Amino acid sequence: MAYEVPPLPYDYSALEPHIDEETMHLHHDKHHQAYVTNANAALEGTEWADKPVEEVLKNLGALPQDKQAAVRNNGGGHYNHSLFWEWMGPSAGGEPDGALGEAIDAAFGSFQDFQARLKDAGVKQFGSGWAWLVHDGSGLQVVSTPNQDSPISQGQTPLLGVDVWEHSYYLKYQNRRPDYIDAWWNTVNWSKVAEEFSKVG
Protein backbone atom coordinates (compact mmCIF):
# COMPACT_ATOMS: atom_id res chain seq x y z
CA MET A 1 0.00 0.00 0.00
CA ALA A 2 1.36 3.41 -0.98
CA TYR A 3 2.59 5.71 1.76
CA GLU A 4 0.48 8.68 2.78
CA VAL A 5 1.22 11.82 4.76
CA PRO A 6 -0.39 11.40 8.18
CA PRO A 7 -2.60 14.27 9.30
CA LEU A 8 -1.12 16.61 11.87
CA PRO A 9 -2.31 15.59 15.35
CA TYR A 10 -3.01 19.26 16.17
CA ASP A 11 -3.84 22.49 14.35
CA TYR A 12 -1.23 24.14 12.13
CA SER A 13 -1.13 27.12 14.50
CA ALA A 14 -0.95 25.00 17.66
CA LEU A 15 2.82 25.34 18.09
CA GLU A 16 2.83 29.15 17.95
CA PRO A 17 4.78 31.18 18.92
CA HIS A 18 7.61 28.65 18.86
CA ILE A 19 6.95 27.29 15.37
CA ASP A 20 4.84 29.43 13.09
CA GLU A 21 1.69 28.36 11.27
CA GLU A 22 3.04 29.13 7.79
CA THR A 23 6.09 26.94 8.36
CA MET A 24 3.88 24.08 9.56
CA HIS A 25 1.70 24.31 6.43
CA LEU A 26 4.72 24.28 4.11
CA HIS A 27 6.64 21.66 6.09
CA HIS A 28 3.77 19.20 6.46
CA ASP A 29 1.73 19.77 3.30
CA LYS A 30 4.53 20.43 0.79
CA HIS A 31 7.83 18.99 2.02
CA HIS A 32 6.46 15.84 3.65
CA GLN A 33 4.13 15.27 0.70
CA ALA A 34 7.07 15.47 -1.69
CA TYR A 35 8.94 12.78 0.25
CA VAL A 36 5.89 10.53 0.15
CA THR A 37 5.31 11.08 -3.57
CA ASN A 38 8.95 10.36 -4.41
CA ALA A 39 9.23 7.35 -2.09
CA ASN A 40 6.12 5.79 -3.63
CA ALA A 41 7.48 6.40 -7.12
CA ALA A 42 10.84 4.83 -6.26
CA LEU A 43 9.27 1.72 -4.70
CA GLU A 44 6.55 1.20 -7.30
CA GLY A 45 6.84 -2.16 -9.00
CA THR A 46 9.33 -3.55 -6.48
CA GLU A 47 8.74 -6.23 -3.85
CA TRP A 48 9.16 -3.49 -1.24
CA ALA A 49 6.24 -1.36 -2.42
CA ASP A 50 3.83 -2.70 0.21
CA LYS A 51 6.29 -3.05 3.09
CA PRO A 52 6.18 -0.73 6.13
CA VAL A 53 8.63 2.14 5.76
CA GLU A 54 10.48 1.01 8.91
CA GLU A 55 11.20 -2.37 7.33
CA VAL A 56 12.37 -0.76 4.10
CA LEU A 57 14.74 1.60 5.91
CA LYS A 58 16.20 -1.24 7.98
CA ASN A 59 17.01 -3.11 4.78
CA LEU A 60 18.21 -0.43 2.38
CA GLY A 61 21.04 -2.65 1.17
CA ALA A 62 18.55 -5.24 -0.05
CA LEU A 63 16.78 -2.80 -2.37
CA PRO A 64 17.70 -2.62 -6.06
CA GLN A 65 20.87 -0.56 -6.40
CA ASP A 66 19.22 2.09 -8.52
CA LYS A 67 16.48 2.63 -5.92
CA GLN A 68 18.56 2.89 -2.77
CA ALA A 69 19.42 6.61 -2.85
CA ALA A 70 15.87 7.71 -3.65
CA VAL A 71 14.37 5.50 -0.96
CA ARG A 72 17.00 6.48 1.60
CA ASN A 73 16.26 10.17 1.01
CA ASN A 74 12.50 10.09 0.50
CA GLY A 75 11.50 7.07 2.54
CA GLY A 76 13.70 8.48 5.29
CA GLY A 77 12.02 11.86 4.91
CA HIS A 78 8.59 10.28 5.26
CA TYR A 79 9.54 8.21 8.30
CA ASN A 80 11.44 10.99 10.07
CA HIS A 81 8.66 13.53 9.59
CA SER A 82 5.91 11.10 10.61
CA LEU A 83 7.71 10.81 13.94
CA PHE A 84 8.52 14.53 14.14
CA TRP A 85 4.86 15.61 14.09
CA GLU A 86 4.08 13.19 16.92
CA TRP A 87 7.01 14.36 19.04
CA MET A 88 5.57 17.88 19.17
CA GLY A 89 2.39 19.29 20.57
CA PRO A 90 0.69 22.32 22.07
CA SER A 91 1.07 23.07 25.77
CA ALA A 92 4.11 20.79 25.80
CA GLY A 93 7.75 21.15 26.74
CA GLY A 94 9.12 20.97 30.27
CA GLU A 95 11.11 17.95 31.40
CA PRO A 96 10.43 14.22 31.19
CA ASP A 97 9.77 12.34 34.41
CA GLY A 98 9.56 8.69 35.40
CA ALA A 99 11.75 6.07 33.78
CA LEU A 100 12.65 8.29 30.81
CA GLY A 101 13.75 11.17 33.01
CA GLU A 102 15.85 8.82 35.12
CA ALA A 103 17.45 7.27 32.03
CA ILE A 104 18.33 10.69 30.62
CA ASP A 105 19.89 11.73 33.94
CA ALA A 106 21.87 8.48 34.08
CA ALA A 107 23.10 8.74 30.49
CA PHE A 108 23.92 12.45 30.32
CA GLY A 109 24.26 13.67 33.91
CA SER A 110 21.17 15.86 33.92
CA PHE A 111 18.32 16.94 31.69
CA GLN A 112 20.10 20.26 31.08
CA ASP A 113 23.25 18.42 30.00
CA PHE A 114 21.17 16.32 27.62
CA GLN A 115 19.55 19.46 26.17
CA ALA A 116 22.99 20.97 25.63
CA ARG A 117 24.23 17.80 23.88
CA LEU A 118 21.23 17.59 21.55
CA LYS A 119 21.36 21.30 20.74
CA ASP A 120 25.08 21.07 20.03
CA ALA A 121 24.50 18.12 17.70
CA GLY A 122 21.81 20.07 15.87
CA VAL A 123 23.75 23.32 15.62
CA LYS A 124 26.90 21.56 14.38
CA GLN A 125 25.13 19.34 11.84
CA PHE A 126 26.63 20.77 8.66
CA GLY A 127 23.97 21.59 6.09
CA SER A 128 20.68 19.75 6.36
CA GLY A 129 19.95 16.94 8.78
CA TRP A 130 18.67 15.93 12.19
CA ALA A 131 19.80 15.65 15.80
CA TRP A 132 18.45 12.66 17.70
CA LEU A 133 18.01 10.97 21.02
CA VAL A 134 18.27 7.27 20.23
CA HIS A 135 18.41 3.95 22.00
CA ASP A 136 21.26 1.96 20.49
CA GLY A 137 20.40 -1.35 22.11
CA SER A 138 22.42 -0.75 25.23
CA GLY A 139 21.40 2.74 26.24
CA LEU A 140 20.63 6.32 25.26
CA GLN A 141 22.83 8.28 22.87
CA VAL A 142 22.72 11.64 21.10
CA VAL A 143 23.57 11.36 17.40
CA SER A 144 23.13 13.44 14.28
CA THR A 145 22.45 12.37 10.71
CA PRO A 146 22.78 14.20 7.40
CA ASN A 147 19.91 14.84 5.02
CA GLN A 148 17.00 12.43 5.70
CA ASP A 149 19.13 9.54 6.93
CA SER A 150 17.38 7.85 9.84
CA PRO A 151 18.95 6.15 12.87
CA ILE A 152 16.70 3.17 12.19
CA SER A 153 18.94 2.32 9.21
CA GLN A 154 21.87 2.04 11.66
CA GLY A 155 20.04 -0.31 14.02
CA GLN A 156 19.13 2.46 16.46
CA THR A 157 15.66 3.37 17.74
CA PRO A 158 14.87 7.08 17.38
CA LEU A 159 13.13 8.37 20.51
CA LEU A 160 13.23 12.10 19.75
CA GLY A 161 14.55 14.16 16.90
CA VAL A 162 14.78 17.79 15.87
CA ASP A 163 14.70 18.62 12.18
CA VAL A 164 17.46 21.12 11.36
CA TRP A 165 16.76 21.44 7.66
CA GLU A 166 16.34 25.14 6.88
CA HIS A 167 12.77 24.55 5.71
CA SER A 168 11.83 23.70 9.29
CA TYR A 169 12.76 27.11 10.68
CA TYR A 170 13.90 29.66 8.10
CA LEU A 171 10.68 31.65 7.72
CA LYS A 172 10.70 32.57 11.41
CA TYR A 173 14.32 32.20 12.51
CA GLN A 174 16.27 32.83 9.29
CA ASN A 175 19.84 31.67 9.95
CA ARG A 176 19.38 31.46 13.74
CA ARG A 177 19.31 27.70 14.09
CA PRO A 178 20.28 27.79 17.81
CA ASP A 179 17.26 30.03 18.55
CA TYR A 180 14.97 27.65 16.71
CA ILE A 181 16.23 24.66 18.73
CA ASP A 182 15.80 26.62 21.97
CA ALA A 183 12.20 27.38 21.03
CA TRP A 184 11.53 23.83 19.80
CA TRP A 185 12.06 22.44 23.31
CA ASN A 186 8.80 24.15 24.27
CA THR A 187 6.92 21.91 21.85
CA VAL A 188 8.33 18.50 22.86
CA ASN A 189 5.61 15.98 23.71
CA TRP A 190 7.44 14.03 26.42
CA SER A 191 4.56 11.61 26.94
CA LYS A 192 5.01 10.38 23.36
CA VAL A 193 8.76 10.07 23.82
CA ALA A 194 8.24 8.16 27.07
CA GLU A 195 5.77 5.83 25.35
CA GLU A 196 8.39 4.86 22.77
CA PHE A 197 11.12 4.60 25.40
CA SER A 198 9.01 2.14 27.38
CA LYS A 199 9.19 -0.27 24.43
CA VAL A 200 13.00 -0.33 24.33
CA GLY A 201 14.17 0.91 27.74
Foldseek 3Di string as FASTA:
>chain_A
DQDDQDDQPDQLCQLPPLFHSVLSCCVRVPVLRVLSVQLLVLCPPHPCNPPPLLVCLQPLVVDPPVSSVSCQQSSLSNVVVSVQSVQFGHQDFDADDDPVQVQCCVVQVHPVSVLVVQLVQLVPQPAWWKWFWWQQLPGTDIHIDHRSHDCSNVNIGTLDMDTNHCSRPCVPQNPPSSSSSVSRNSTGHNVSSVVVVVVRD
